Amino acid sequence: MIIDVHSHAWNFPADFSDDFIHQAGRARPGVRVDISATYEAYRAAAPEDTRTFVFGGKAKLSGLWVNDQTVADYVARDPARLIGFLSIDPTQENWQRELQFGHETLGLRGIKLLPMYAGFSPDDSTLEPLWQYAEKHGLPVLLHMGTTFIAQAPLAFTLPRLIEPVAIKHPGVKISLAHLGHPYEGECLVTIRKHDNVFADVSALHYRPWQLYNSLMLAQEY
């Protein structure tokens, strides 16, 4: 069985601001921006024995906002294979209410955070209720780690080391760092090596094959 821990569900372009789409185009000149994520495309590509984590994302600062209902509806089309994650933006009001609604009402089974995109540090003390909730209910937390093309998204909030205080304080929370924290792969690797409850995925690194190769070699050496 394949466990795919990084997959998206959203409405494109409706869930993205014009500025987000413009900056995405600036990052890849000459390439038409189309980041559609449909169930039909997933179904056509994923082998039958695949189980997949699915999430949207919320980051007002960067111009991305996917309603958790969108993810719940997507997952409902194939509940035996799809595992839905809720998303929150803790810089916005009512995030704790959205956390409870996504889990307790929509039945989503994990949490997706976008620290860099939304402009917050994952070790901020104001997020303690989130980590307590995740630990109490056994919800895994997946964080975007690594760079982005969005100019207003602070690099200071995407360093893998920022998760260490959380991992130590909440050993019962399974934490996954997306994209191996690129371009901070070394920092990501030493973090997951130290903490049994911290993991990482290598999603999106295939766009940079040389970087992916060196990252996997570095993982073996550590």
N, C-alpha and C. Protein backbone atom coordinates (compact mmCIF):
# COMPACT_ATOMS: atom_id res chain seq x y z
N MET A 1 0.83 -1.20 0.00
CA MET A 1 0.00 0.00 0.00
C MET A 1 0.87 1.25 0.00
N ILE A 2 0.48 2.24 -0.78
CA ILE A 2 1.15 3.54 -0.83
C ILE A 2 0.39 4.52 0.05
N ILE A 3 1.10 5.21 0.93
CA ILE A 3 0.50 6.28 1.73
C ILE A 3 1.05 7.60 1.20
N ASP A 4 0.21 8.34 0.51
CA ASP A 4 0.58 9.64 -0.05
C ASP A 4 0.17 10.71 0.97
N VAL A 5 1.14 11.37 1.56
CA VAL A 5 0.84 12.29 2.66
C VAL A 5 0.71 13.75 2.22
N HIS A 6 0.70 13.99 0.91
CA HIS A 6 0.66 15.40 0.47
C HIS A 6 -0.15 15.54 -0.81
N SER A 7 -1.41 15.93 -0.65
CA SER A 7 -2.29 16.13 -1.80
C SER A 7 -3.24 17.28 -1.49
N HIS A 8 -3.65 17.99 -2.54
CA HIS A 8 -4.47 19.19 -2.34
C HIS A 8 -5.87 19.04 -2.91
N ALA A 9 -6.79 19.80 -2.33
CA ALA A 9 -8.14 19.96 -2.87
C ALA A 9 -8.52 21.43 -2.71
N TRP A 10 -8.87 22.07 -3.81
CA TRP A 10 -9.33 23.46 -3.77
C TRP A 10 -10.02 23.80 -5.07
N ASN A 11 -10.61 24.97 -5.10
CA ASN A 11 -11.23 25.48 -6.32
C ASN A 11 -10.32 26.54 -6.92
N PHE A 12 -9.76 26.23 -8.07
CA PHE A 12 -8.88 27.18 -8.74
C PHE A 12 -9.59 27.75 -9.96
N PRO A 13 -9.59 29.09 -10.10
CA PRO A 13 -8.82 30.09 -9.34
C PRO A 13 -9.58 30.72 -8.17
N ALA A 14 -10.80 30.26 -7.89
CA ALA A 14 -11.67 30.96 -6.95
C ALA A 14 -11.07 31.11 -5.56
N ASP A 15 -10.29 30.14 -5.10
CA ASP A 15 -9.75 30.17 -3.74
C ASP A 15 -8.44 30.94 -3.61
N PHE A 16 -8.02 31.58 -4.70
CA PHE A 16 -6.75 32.31 -4.72
C PHE A 16 -6.97 33.75 -5.15
N SER A 17 -6.22 34.66 -4.54
CA SER A 17 -6.31 36.07 -4.93
C SER A 17 -5.62 36.30 -6.27
N ASP A 18 -5.96 37.39 -6.91
CA ASP A 18 -5.29 37.74 -8.17
C ASP A 18 -3.80 37.92 -7.96
N ASP A 19 -3.43 38.49 -6.80
CA ASP A 19 -2.01 38.70 -6.51
C ASP A 19 -1.26 37.38 -6.39
N PHE A 20 -1.87 36.40 -5.74
CA PHE A 20 -1.23 35.08 -5.61
C PHE A 20 -0.97 34.49 -6.99
N ILE A 21 -1.97 34.54 -7.85
CA ILE A 21 -1.83 33.97 -9.19
C ILE A 21 -0.79 34.74 -10.00
N HIS A 22 -0.79 36.06 -9.84
CA HIS A 22 0.21 36.88 -10.54
C HIS A 22 1.62 36.50 -10.10
N GLN A 23 1.83 36.36 -8.79
CA GLN A 23 3.16 36.01 -8.31
C GLN A 23 3.57 34.59 -8.72
N ALA A 24 2.60 33.70 -8.80
CA ALA A 24 2.89 32.35 -9.28
C ALA A 24 3.38 32.40 -10.73
N GLY A 25 2.77 33.26 -11.52
CA GLY A 25 3.20 33.42 -12.91
C GLY A 25 4.57 34.05 -13.02
N ARG A 26 4.86 34.98 -12.12
CA ARG A 26 6.18 35.62 -12.11
C ARG A 26 7.28 34.61 -11.80
N ALA A 27 6.96 33.62 -10.98
CA ALA A 27 7.95 32.61 -10.60
C ALA A 27 8.28 31.68 -11.76
N ARG A 28 7.35 31.54 -12.70
CA ARG A 28 7.57 30.66 -13.85
C ARG A 28 7.16 31.38 -15.13
N PRO A 29 7.98 32.31 -15.57
CA PRO A 29 7.64 33.10 -16.76
C PRO A 29 7.37 32.21 -17.98
N GLY A 30 6.31 32.57 -18.69
CA GLY A 30 5.99 31.84 -19.90
C GLY A 30 5.18 30.59 -19.69
N VAL A 31 4.91 30.24 -18.44
CA VAL A 31 4.12 29.04 -18.13
C VAL A 31 2.75 29.47 -17.61
N ARG A 32 1.71 29.00 -18.22
CA ARG A 32 0.35 29.33 -17.79
C ARG A 32 0.08 28.72 -16.42
N VAL A 33 -0.35 29.56 -15.48
CA VAL A 33 -0.61 29.09 -14.12
C VAL A 33 -1.92 28.31 -14.08
N ASP A 34 -1.83 27.07 -13.73
CA ASP A 34 -3.02 26.23 -13.55
C ASP A 34 -2.70 25.20 -12.48
N ILE A 35 -3.14 25.47 -11.27
CA ILE A 35 -2.89 24.56 -10.16
C ILE A 35 -4.20 23.91 -9.72
N SER A 36 -5.01 23.58 -10.69
CA SER A 36 -6.27 22.90 -10.41
C SER A 36 -6.01 21.59 -9.67
N ALA A 37 -6.88 21.26 -8.74
CA ALA A 37 -6.76 20.01 -7.98
C ALA A 37 -8.15 19.37 -7.93
N THR A 38 -8.40 18.46 -8.84
CA THR A 38 -9.72 17.84 -8.94
C THR A 38 -9.66 16.36 -8.55
N TYR A 39 -10.80 15.87 -8.09
CA TYR A 39 -10.87 14.45 -7.74
C TYR A 39 -10.66 13.58 -8.98
N GLU A 40 -11.18 14.02 -10.11
CA GLU A 40 -11.04 13.25 -11.34
C GLU A 40 -9.57 13.05 -11.71
N ALA A 41 -8.78 14.11 -11.57
CA ALA A 41 -7.35 14.00 -11.87
C ALA A 41 -6.66 13.07 -10.88
N TYR A 42 -7.04 13.16 -9.61
CA TYR A 42 -6.46 12.26 -8.61
C TYR A 42 -6.81 10.81 -8.93
N ARG A 43 -8.07 10.57 -9.22
CA ARG A 43 -8.54 9.20 -9.46
C ARG A 43 -7.82 8.58 -10.66
N ALA A 44 -7.55 9.39 -11.66
CA ALA A 44 -6.88 8.88 -12.86
C ALA A 44 -5.42 8.57 -12.62
N ALA A 45 -4.80 9.25 -11.65
CA ALA A 45 -3.36 9.12 -11.45
C ALA A 45 -2.97 8.16 -10.33
N ALA A 46 -3.79 8.04 -9.30
CA ALA A 46 -3.40 7.28 -8.11
C ALA A 46 -3.67 5.79 -8.28
N PRO A 47 -2.70 4.93 -7.97
CA PRO A 47 -2.94 3.48 -8.00
C PRO A 47 -4.04 3.08 -7.03
N GLU A 48 -4.65 1.95 -7.26
CA GLU A 48 -5.78 1.51 -6.45
C GLU A 48 -5.43 1.33 -4.98
N ASP A 49 -4.21 0.92 -4.69
CA ASP A 49 -3.83 0.64 -3.30
C ASP A 49 -3.25 1.86 -2.59
N THR A 50 -3.65 3.05 -3.03
CA THR A 50 -3.14 4.30 -2.44
C THR A 50 -4.12 4.85 -1.41
N ARG A 51 -3.57 5.32 -0.28
CA ARG A 51 -4.34 6.11 0.68
C ARG A 51 -3.71 7.49 0.71
N THR A 52 -4.52 8.54 0.72
CA THR A 52 -4.00 9.88 0.48
C THR A 52 -4.52 10.89 1.48
N PHE A 53 -3.60 11.69 2.05
CA PHE A 53 -3.97 12.84 2.86
C PHE A 53 -4.34 13.98 1.92
N VAL A 54 -5.43 14.66 2.21
CA VAL A 54 -5.92 15.74 1.36
C VAL A 54 -6.18 16.98 2.20
N PHE A 55 -5.73 18.14 1.72
CA PHE A 55 -5.96 19.39 2.45
C PHE A 55 -6.01 20.56 1.48
N GLY A 56 -6.54 21.66 1.98
CA GLY A 56 -6.57 22.90 1.22
C GLY A 56 -5.50 23.84 1.73
N GLY A 57 -5.91 24.83 2.52
CA GLY A 57 -4.96 25.77 3.09
C GLY A 57 -5.62 27.10 3.35
N LYS A 58 -5.17 27.79 4.40
CA LYS A 58 -5.69 29.11 4.74
C LYS A 58 -4.53 30.03 5.09
N ALA A 59 -4.42 31.11 4.35
CA ALA A 59 -3.35 32.08 4.58
C ALA A 59 -3.78 33.42 4.00
N LYS A 60 -4.42 34.22 4.83
CA LYS A 60 -4.94 35.51 4.37
C LYS A 60 -3.82 36.40 3.83
N LEU A 61 -2.66 36.38 4.47
CA LEU A 61 -1.54 37.22 4.06
C LEU A 61 -1.15 36.99 2.61
N SER A 62 -1.17 35.75 2.18
CA SER A 62 -0.71 35.40 0.84
C SER A 62 -1.82 35.33 -0.20
N GLY A 63 -3.07 35.37 0.25
CA GLY A 63 -4.17 35.33 -0.70
C GLY A 63 -4.63 33.93 -1.06
N LEU A 64 -4.64 33.04 -0.07
CA LEU A 64 -5.09 31.66 -0.26
C LEU A 64 -6.09 31.34 0.84
N TRP A 65 -7.28 30.88 0.44
CA TRP A 65 -8.29 30.54 1.45
C TRP A 65 -9.21 29.45 0.91
N VAL A 66 -9.04 28.25 1.41
CA VAL A 66 -9.85 27.11 0.99
C VAL A 66 -10.76 26.72 2.14
N ASN A 67 -12.05 26.77 1.92
CA ASN A 67 -13.01 26.37 2.94
C ASN A 67 -12.87 24.88 3.24
N ASP A 68 -12.90 24.54 4.52
CA ASP A 68 -12.75 23.13 4.89
C ASP A 68 -13.88 22.26 4.34
N GLN A 69 -15.03 22.87 4.06
CA GLN A 69 -16.12 22.11 3.46
C GLN A 69 -15.72 21.57 2.09
N THR A 70 -14.90 22.34 1.37
CA THR A 70 -14.40 21.89 0.07
C THR A 70 -13.62 20.59 0.21
N VAL A 71 -12.79 20.52 1.23
CA VAL A 71 -12.00 19.31 1.47
C VAL A 71 -12.91 18.16 1.90
N ALA A 72 -13.86 18.44 2.78
CA ALA A 72 -14.77 17.40 3.24
C ALA A 72 -15.58 16.82 2.09
N ASP A 73 -16.03 17.67 1.18
CA ASP A 73 -16.80 17.20 0.02
C ASP A 73 -15.93 16.34 -0.90
N TYR A 74 -14.69 16.75 -1.07
CA TYR A 74 -13.74 16.00 -1.90
C TYR A 74 -13.52 14.61 -1.31
N VAL A 75 -13.25 14.56 -0.02
CA VAL A 75 -12.98 13.29 0.66
C VAL A 75 -14.20 12.37 0.61
N ALA A 76 -15.39 12.96 0.68
CA ALA A 76 -16.62 12.17 0.68
C ALA A 76 -16.81 11.38 -0.61
N ARG A 77 -16.12 11.76 -1.66
CA ARG A 77 -16.23 11.04 -2.93
C ARG A 77 -15.49 9.71 -2.92
N ASP A 78 -14.57 9.56 -1.98
CA ASP A 78 -13.80 8.31 -1.90
C ASP A 78 -13.27 8.13 -0.48
N PRO A 79 -14.16 7.99 0.50
CA PRO A 79 -13.73 7.99 1.91
C PRO A 79 -12.84 6.82 2.29
N ALA A 80 -12.87 5.75 1.52
CA ALA A 80 -12.01 4.61 1.84
C ALA A 80 -10.55 4.89 1.52
N ARG A 81 -10.31 5.84 0.63
CA ARG A 81 -8.94 6.12 0.19
C ARG A 81 -8.42 7.48 0.65
N LEU A 82 -9.32 8.41 0.92
CA LEU A 82 -8.92 9.79 1.19
C LEU A 82 -9.08 10.14 2.67
N ILE A 83 -8.09 10.82 3.21
CA ILE A 83 -8.07 11.25 4.61
C ILE A 83 -7.96 12.77 4.61
N GLY A 84 -9.02 13.44 5.03
CA GLY A 84 -9.07 14.89 4.94
C GLY A 84 -8.46 15.60 6.14
N PHE A 85 -7.79 16.71 5.87
CA PHE A 85 -7.20 17.57 6.89
C PHE A 85 -7.90 18.93 6.85
N LEU A 86 -8.17 19.48 8.01
CA LEU A 86 -8.67 20.85 8.10
C LEU A 86 -7.49 21.81 8.05
N SER A 87 -7.78 23.08 7.80
CA SER A 87 -6.73 24.11 7.81
C SER A 87 -7.18 25.28 8.66
N ILE A 88 -6.23 25.95 9.28
CA ILE A 88 -6.53 27.18 10.00
C ILE A 88 -5.45 28.22 9.71
N ASP A 89 -5.84 29.46 9.86
CA ASP A 89 -4.90 30.59 9.82
C ASP A 89 -5.00 31.27 11.18
N PRO A 90 -4.05 31.00 12.09
CA PRO A 90 -4.15 31.52 13.45
C PRO A 90 -3.95 33.02 13.58
N THR A 91 -3.66 33.72 12.48
CA THR A 91 -3.59 35.18 12.52
C THR A 91 -4.97 35.80 12.40
N GLN A 92 -5.97 34.98 12.11
CA GLN A 92 -7.34 35.46 11.92
C GLN A 92 -8.21 35.08 13.11
N GLU A 93 -9.25 35.87 13.33
CA GLU A 93 -10.17 35.59 14.43
C GLU A 93 -10.92 34.28 14.19
N ASN A 94 -11.37 33.69 15.28
CA ASN A 94 -12.21 32.49 15.24
C ASN A 94 -11.49 31.24 14.74
N TRP A 95 -10.15 31.23 14.77
CA TRP A 95 -9.46 30.04 14.28
C TRP A 95 -9.72 28.82 15.16
N GLN A 96 -9.91 29.05 16.47
CA GLN A 96 -10.19 27.91 17.33
C GLN A 96 -11.57 27.31 17.03
N ARG A 97 -12.51 28.16 16.68
CA ARG A 97 -13.83 27.68 16.29
C ARG A 97 -13.74 26.87 14.99
N GLU A 98 -12.91 27.35 14.05
CA GLU A 98 -12.74 26.62 12.79
C GLU A 98 -12.04 25.28 13.02
N LEU A 99 -11.13 25.25 13.97
CA LEU A 99 -10.45 24.01 14.32
C LEU A 99 -11.46 22.96 14.80
N GLN A 100 -12.31 23.37 15.72
CA GLN A 100 -13.31 22.44 16.25
C GLN A 100 -14.33 22.04 15.20
N PHE A 101 -14.76 23.00 14.39
CA PHE A 101 -15.76 22.71 13.36
C PHE A 101 -15.21 21.72 12.33
N GLY A 102 -13.98 21.95 11.89
CA GLY A 102 -13.39 21.07 10.89
C GLY A 102 -13.25 19.64 11.38
N HIS A 103 -12.90 19.49 12.65
CA HIS A 103 -12.71 18.15 13.20
C HIS A 103 -14.02 17.53 13.66
N GLU A 104 -14.77 18.26 14.50
CA GLU A 104 -15.92 17.67 15.17
C GLU A 104 -17.17 17.64 14.31
N THR A 105 -17.32 18.60 13.40
CA THR A 105 -18.51 18.64 12.54
C THR A 105 -18.25 18.01 11.17
N LEU A 106 -17.14 18.39 10.55
CA LEU A 106 -16.84 17.87 9.21
C LEU A 106 -16.14 16.52 9.23
N GLY A 107 -15.60 16.15 10.39
CA GLY A 107 -14.95 14.85 10.51
C GLY A 107 -13.57 14.76 9.88
N LEU A 108 -12.91 15.90 9.70
CA LEU A 108 -11.56 15.90 9.14
C LEU A 108 -10.57 15.42 10.20
N ARG A 109 -9.53 14.74 9.78
CA ARG A 109 -8.74 13.91 10.70
C ARG A 109 -7.30 14.36 10.89
N GLY A 110 -6.97 15.55 10.44
CA GLY A 110 -5.64 16.11 10.64
C GLY A 110 -5.69 17.61 10.45
N ILE A 111 -4.56 18.28 10.67
CA ILE A 111 -4.48 19.74 10.60
C ILE A 111 -3.36 20.14 9.65
N LYS A 112 -3.65 21.07 8.75
CA LYS A 112 -2.63 21.62 7.85
C LYS A 112 -2.39 23.08 8.21
N LEU A 113 -1.11 23.44 8.38
CA LEU A 113 -0.72 24.81 8.71
C LEU A 113 0.21 25.35 7.63
N LEU A 114 0.11 26.65 7.39
CA LEU A 114 0.95 27.35 6.41
C LEU A 114 1.66 28.52 7.10
N PRO A 115 2.63 28.24 7.98
CA PRO A 115 3.25 29.32 8.76
C PRO A 115 3.81 30.46 7.92
N MET A 116 4.57 30.13 6.89
CA MET A 116 5.19 31.16 6.06
C MET A 116 4.14 31.94 5.28
N TYR A 117 3.21 31.23 4.66
CA TYR A 117 2.19 31.88 3.85
C TYR A 117 1.29 32.79 4.69
N ALA A 118 0.99 32.36 5.91
CA ALA A 118 0.07 33.12 6.75
C ALA A 118 0.77 34.15 7.63
N GLY A 119 2.08 33.96 7.86
CA GLY A 119 2.84 34.94 8.64
C GLY A 119 2.81 34.70 10.13
N PHE A 120 3.10 33.46 10.56
CA PHE A 120 3.19 33.17 11.99
C PHE A 120 4.26 32.11 12.22
N SER A 121 4.77 32.07 13.43
CA SER A 121 5.77 31.07 13.78
C SER A 121 5.08 29.88 14.44
N PRO A 122 5.41 28.66 14.06
CA PRO A 122 4.73 27.51 14.65
C PRO A 122 4.98 27.32 16.14
N ASP A 123 6.02 27.96 16.66
CA ASP A 123 6.29 27.84 18.09
C ASP A 123 5.75 29.02 18.89
N ASP A 124 4.91 29.85 18.27
CA ASP A 124 4.31 30.99 18.97
C ASP A 124 3.44 30.48 20.12
N SER A 125 3.57 31.11 21.28
CA SER A 125 2.85 30.65 22.47
C SER A 125 1.33 30.74 22.32
N THR A 126 0.86 31.61 21.44
CA THR A 126 -0.59 31.73 21.24
C THR A 126 -1.19 30.50 20.55
N LEU A 127 -0.33 29.64 20.00
CA LEU A 127 -0.81 28.43 19.34
C LEU A 127 -0.90 27.23 20.28
N GLU A 128 -0.60 27.45 21.55
CA GLU A 128 -0.63 26.34 22.50
C GLU A 128 -1.98 25.60 22.50
N PRO A 129 -3.13 26.31 22.43
CA PRO A 129 -4.40 25.58 22.37
C PRO A 129 -4.51 24.65 21.17
N LEU A 130 -3.89 25.02 20.07
CA LEU A 130 -3.92 24.16 18.88
C LEU A 130 -3.17 22.86 19.14
N TRP A 131 -1.96 22.98 19.68
CA TRP A 131 -1.16 21.78 19.92
C TRP A 131 -1.79 20.90 21.00
N GLN A 132 -2.40 21.52 21.99
CA GLN A 132 -3.10 20.75 23.02
C GLN A 132 -4.28 19.99 22.42
N TYR A 133 -5.01 20.66 21.54
CA TYR A 133 -6.17 20.04 20.90
C TYR A 133 -5.72 18.86 20.03
N ALA A 134 -4.67 19.07 19.25
CA ALA A 134 -4.15 18.01 18.39
C ALA A 134 -3.71 16.80 19.21
N GLU A 135 -3.04 17.07 20.33
CA GLU A 135 -2.57 15.97 21.17
C GLU A 135 -3.73 15.24 21.83
N LYS A 136 -4.71 15.98 22.30
CA LYS A 136 -5.86 15.38 22.96
C LYS A 136 -6.65 14.48 22.02
N HIS A 137 -6.81 14.91 20.77
CA HIS A 137 -7.67 14.20 19.82
C HIS A 137 -6.89 13.31 18.84
N GLY A 138 -5.58 13.26 19.00
CA GLY A 138 -4.78 12.39 18.14
C GLY A 138 -4.74 12.83 16.69
N LEU A 139 -4.71 14.14 16.45
CA LEU A 139 -4.69 14.67 15.10
C LEU A 139 -3.26 14.94 14.64
N PRO A 140 -2.81 14.35 13.55
CA PRO A 140 -1.50 14.71 13.01
C PRO A 140 -1.52 16.13 12.46
N VAL A 141 -0.38 16.79 12.49
CA VAL A 141 -0.27 18.16 12.00
C VAL A 141 0.80 18.21 10.92
N LEU A 142 0.42 18.69 9.75
CA LEU A 142 1.34 18.83 8.64
C LEU A 142 1.57 20.31 8.37
N LEU A 143 2.82 20.71 8.33
CA LEU A 143 3.15 22.12 8.12
C LEU A 143 3.90 22.31 6.81
N HIS A 144 3.54 23.37 6.08
CA HIS A 144 4.39 23.77 4.96
C HIS A 144 5.72 24.23 5.54
N MET A 145 6.79 23.64 5.05
CA MET A 145 8.13 24.07 5.43
C MET A 145 8.95 24.25 4.16
N GLY A 146 9.60 25.35 4.03
CA GLY A 146 10.36 25.62 2.83
C GLY A 146 9.89 26.89 2.17
N THR A 147 10.57 27.27 1.14
CA THR A 147 10.34 28.57 0.54
C THR A 147 9.07 28.61 -0.30
N THR A 148 8.75 29.79 -0.80
CA THR A 148 7.65 30.00 -1.72
C THR A 148 7.97 31.22 -2.58
N PHE A 149 7.19 31.42 -3.61
CA PHE A 149 7.38 32.57 -4.50
C PHE A 149 6.65 33.81 -4.00
N ILE A 150 5.84 33.70 -2.96
CA ILE A 150 5.05 34.83 -2.47
C ILE A 150 5.95 35.81 -1.73
N ALA A 151 6.02 37.03 -2.22
CA ALA A 151 6.97 38.02 -1.69
C ALA A 151 6.71 38.37 -0.23
N GLN A 152 5.44 38.46 0.16
CA GLN A 152 5.12 38.91 1.52
C GLN A 152 5.15 37.78 2.56
N ALA A 153 5.46 36.56 2.14
CA ALA A 153 5.53 35.43 3.06
C ALA A 153 6.91 35.37 3.71
N PRO A 154 7.03 35.56 5.03
CA PRO A 154 8.34 35.69 5.68
C PRO A 154 9.13 34.38 5.74
N LEU A 155 10.35 34.42 5.23
CA LEU A 155 11.23 33.26 5.32
C LEU A 155 11.53 32.88 6.77
N ALA A 156 11.47 33.85 7.66
CA ALA A 156 11.80 33.60 9.06
C ALA A 156 10.88 32.56 9.70
N PHE A 157 9.68 32.37 9.14
CA PHE A 157 8.71 31.46 9.74
C PHE A 157 8.70 30.07 9.10
N THR A 158 9.63 29.80 8.21
CA THR A 158 9.62 28.51 7.52
C THR A 158 10.82 27.64 7.86
N LEU A 159 11.58 28.03 8.88
CA LEU A 159 12.77 27.25 9.27
C LEU A 159 12.35 26.01 10.07
N PRO A 160 12.79 24.83 9.68
CA PRO A 160 12.39 23.60 10.36
C PRO A 160 12.67 23.59 11.86
N ARG A 161 13.71 24.29 12.28
CA ARG A 161 14.07 24.28 13.70
C ARG A 161 12.96 24.85 14.59
N LEU A 162 12.08 25.65 14.01
CA LEU A 162 11.02 26.29 14.79
C LEU A 162 10.05 25.27 15.39
N ILE A 163 10.01 24.08 14.84
CA ILE A 163 9.07 23.08 15.35
C ILE A 163 9.63 22.34 16.55
N GLU A 164 10.93 22.47 16.83
CA GLU A 164 11.54 21.68 17.90
C GLU A 164 10.90 21.93 19.27
N PRO A 165 10.67 23.18 19.70
CA PRO A 165 10.05 23.36 21.01
C PRO A 165 8.68 22.70 21.12
N VAL A 166 7.94 22.71 20.02
CA VAL A 166 6.61 22.07 20.00
C VAL A 166 6.76 20.55 20.12
N ALA A 167 7.69 19.99 19.38
CA ALA A 167 7.91 18.54 19.41
C ALA A 167 8.29 18.07 20.80
N ILE A 168 9.08 18.85 21.49
CA ILE A 168 9.51 18.49 22.85
C ILE A 168 8.35 18.60 23.83
N LYS A 169 7.57 19.66 23.72
CA LYS A 169 6.47 19.89 24.66
C LYS A 169 5.29 18.99 24.42
N HIS A 170 5.10 18.57 23.15
CA HIS A 170 3.93 17.75 22.81
C HIS A 170 4.37 16.49 22.07
N PRO A 171 4.99 15.56 22.79
CA PRO A 171 5.50 14.35 22.14
C PRO A 171 4.41 13.45 21.57
N GLY A 172 3.17 13.68 21.99
CA GLY A 172 2.07 12.86 21.49
C GLY A 172 1.53 13.31 20.15
N VAL A 173 2.00 14.43 19.63
CA VAL A 173 1.52 14.94 18.35
C VAL A 173 2.46 14.47 17.24
N LYS A 174 1.90 13.82 16.24
CA LYS A 174 2.67 13.46 15.05
C LYS A 174 2.74 14.68 14.14
N ILE A 175 3.96 15.13 13.85
CA ILE A 175 4.20 16.35 13.08
C ILE A 175 4.94 16.00 11.79
N SER A 176 4.45 16.52 10.68
CA SER A 176 5.11 16.28 9.40
C SER A 176 5.51 17.61 8.77
N LEU A 177 6.76 17.70 8.33
CA LEU A 177 7.29 18.91 7.69
C LEU A 177 7.33 18.69 6.19
N ALA A 178 6.56 19.49 5.47
CA ALA A 178 6.43 19.29 4.03
C ALA A 178 7.68 19.73 3.27
N HIS A 179 7.87 19.13 2.11
CA HIS A 179 8.90 19.53 1.14
C HIS A 179 10.32 19.42 1.69
N LEU A 180 10.49 18.61 2.74
CA LEU A 180 11.79 18.45 3.40
C LEU A 180 12.40 19.80 3.76
N GLY A 181 11.51 20.80 3.94
CA GLY A 181 11.97 22.12 4.37
C GLY A 181 12.84 22.85 3.37
N HIS A 182 12.74 22.51 2.08
CA HIS A 182 13.68 23.07 1.08
C HIS A 182 13.66 24.60 1.08
N PRO A 183 14.78 25.29 0.99
CA PRO A 183 16.13 24.77 0.76
C PRO A 183 16.90 24.47 2.05
N TYR A 184 16.17 24.26 3.14
CA TYR A 184 16.81 24.00 4.43
C TYR A 184 16.72 22.50 4.76
N GLU A 185 17.05 21.67 3.79
CA GLU A 185 16.89 20.23 3.97
C GLU A 185 17.74 19.68 5.11
N GLY A 186 18.96 20.17 5.25
CA GLY A 186 19.81 19.70 6.32
C GLY A 186 19.22 19.97 7.69
N GLU A 187 18.68 21.16 7.87
CA GLU A 187 18.05 21.52 9.14
C GLU A 187 16.82 20.65 9.39
N CYS A 188 16.09 20.36 8.34
CA CYS A 188 14.92 19.49 8.47
C CYS A 188 15.33 18.08 8.88
N LEU A 189 16.36 17.57 8.24
CA LEU A 189 16.80 16.20 8.53
C LEU A 189 17.30 16.03 9.95
N VAL A 190 18.06 17.00 10.45
CA VAL A 190 18.55 16.85 11.82
C VAL A 190 17.41 17.00 12.83
N THR A 191 16.37 17.72 12.44
CA THR A 191 15.21 17.87 13.32
C THR A 191 14.43 16.56 13.41
N ILE A 192 14.16 15.93 12.27
CA ILE A 192 13.39 14.68 12.32
C ILE A 192 14.22 13.54 12.91
N ARG A 193 15.53 13.63 12.79
CA ARG A 193 16.37 12.60 13.40
C ARG A 193 16.31 12.68 14.92
N LYS A 194 16.22 13.88 15.46
CA LYS A 194 16.22 14.07 16.91
C LYS A 194 14.91 13.68 17.57
N HIS A 195 13.81 13.82 16.85
CA HIS A 195 12.50 13.71 17.49
C HIS A 195 11.65 12.62 16.83
N ASP A 196 11.25 11.63 17.64
CA ASP A 196 10.50 10.49 17.11
C ASP A 196 9.13 10.87 16.58
N ASN A 197 8.61 12.00 17.00
CA ASN A 197 7.27 12.40 16.57
C ASN A 197 7.28 13.39 15.41
N VAL A 198 8.45 13.63 14.81
CA VAL A 198 8.55 14.57 13.69
C VAL A 198 8.99 13.81 12.43
N PHE A 199 8.29 14.06 11.35
CA PHE A 199 8.54 13.39 10.07
C PHE A 199 8.64 14.44 8.97
N ALA A 200 8.90 14.00 7.75
CA ALA A 200 8.98 14.94 6.63
C ALA A 200 8.56 14.23 5.35
N ASP A 201 8.09 15.01 4.38
CA ASP A 201 7.84 14.46 3.05
C ASP A 201 8.75 15.16 2.04
N VAL A 202 8.83 14.59 0.85
CA VAL A 202 9.70 15.15 -0.19
C VAL A 202 8.88 15.71 -1.36
N SER A 203 7.63 16.05 -1.09
CA SER A 203 6.77 16.60 -2.14
C SER A 203 7.38 17.86 -2.74
N ALA A 204 7.19 18.03 -4.04
CA ALA A 204 7.62 19.19 -4.83
C ALA A 204 9.12 19.22 -5.12
N LEU A 205 9.91 18.40 -4.45
CA LEU A 205 11.35 18.40 -4.74
C LEU A 205 11.67 17.82 -6.11
N HIS A 206 10.75 17.08 -6.69
CA HIS A 206 11.02 16.49 -8.01
C HIS A 206 11.14 17.56 -9.09
N TYR A 207 10.65 18.77 -8.81
CA TYR A 207 10.82 19.86 -9.78
C TYR A 207 12.29 20.26 -9.91
N ARG A 208 13.09 19.90 -8.92
CA ARG A 208 14.52 20.22 -8.90
C ARG A 208 15.29 18.92 -8.69
N PRO A 209 15.47 18.12 -9.73
CA PRO A 209 16.02 16.77 -9.59
C PRO A 209 17.37 16.71 -8.89
N TRP A 210 18.25 17.66 -9.18
CA TRP A 210 19.56 17.64 -8.54
C TRP A 210 19.43 17.90 -7.04
N GLN A 211 18.55 18.80 -6.69
CA GLN A 211 18.31 19.08 -5.28
C GLN A 211 17.70 17.86 -4.59
N LEU A 212 16.76 17.20 -5.25
CA LEU A 212 16.15 16.00 -4.69
C LEU A 212 17.20 14.92 -4.46
N TYR A 213 18.06 14.69 -5.45
CA TYR A 213 19.11 13.68 -5.32
C TYR A 213 20.00 13.97 -4.12
N ASN A 214 20.47 15.20 -4.01
CA ASN A 214 21.36 15.55 -2.90
C ASN A 214 20.64 15.49 -1.56
N SER A 215 19.37 15.82 -1.54
CA SER A 215 18.60 15.74 -0.30
C SER A 215 18.46 14.30 0.17
N LEU A 216 18.20 13.39 -0.75
CA LEU A 216 18.07 11.98 -0.38
C LEU A 216 19.41 11.40 0.05
N MET A 217 20.50 11.83 -0.59
CA MET A 217 21.82 11.39 -0.15
C MET A 217 22.13 11.91 1.25
N LEU A 218 21.75 13.16 1.50
CA LEU A 218 21.97 13.74 2.83
C LEU A 218 21.16 12.99 3.88
N ALA A 219 19.94 12.59 3.51
CA ALA A 219 19.11 11.83 4.43
C ALA A 219 19.77 10.50 4.80
N GLN A 220 20.37 9.84 3.83
CA GLN A 220 21.07 8.58 4.12
C GLN A 220 22.27 8.81 5.03
N GLU A 221 22.98 9.89 4.81
CA GLU A 221 24.18 10.14 5.61
C GLU A 221 23.84 10.48 7.05
N TYR A 222 22.68 11.10 7.27
CA TYR A 222 22.27 11.40 8.64
C TYR A 222 21.56 10.21 9.29
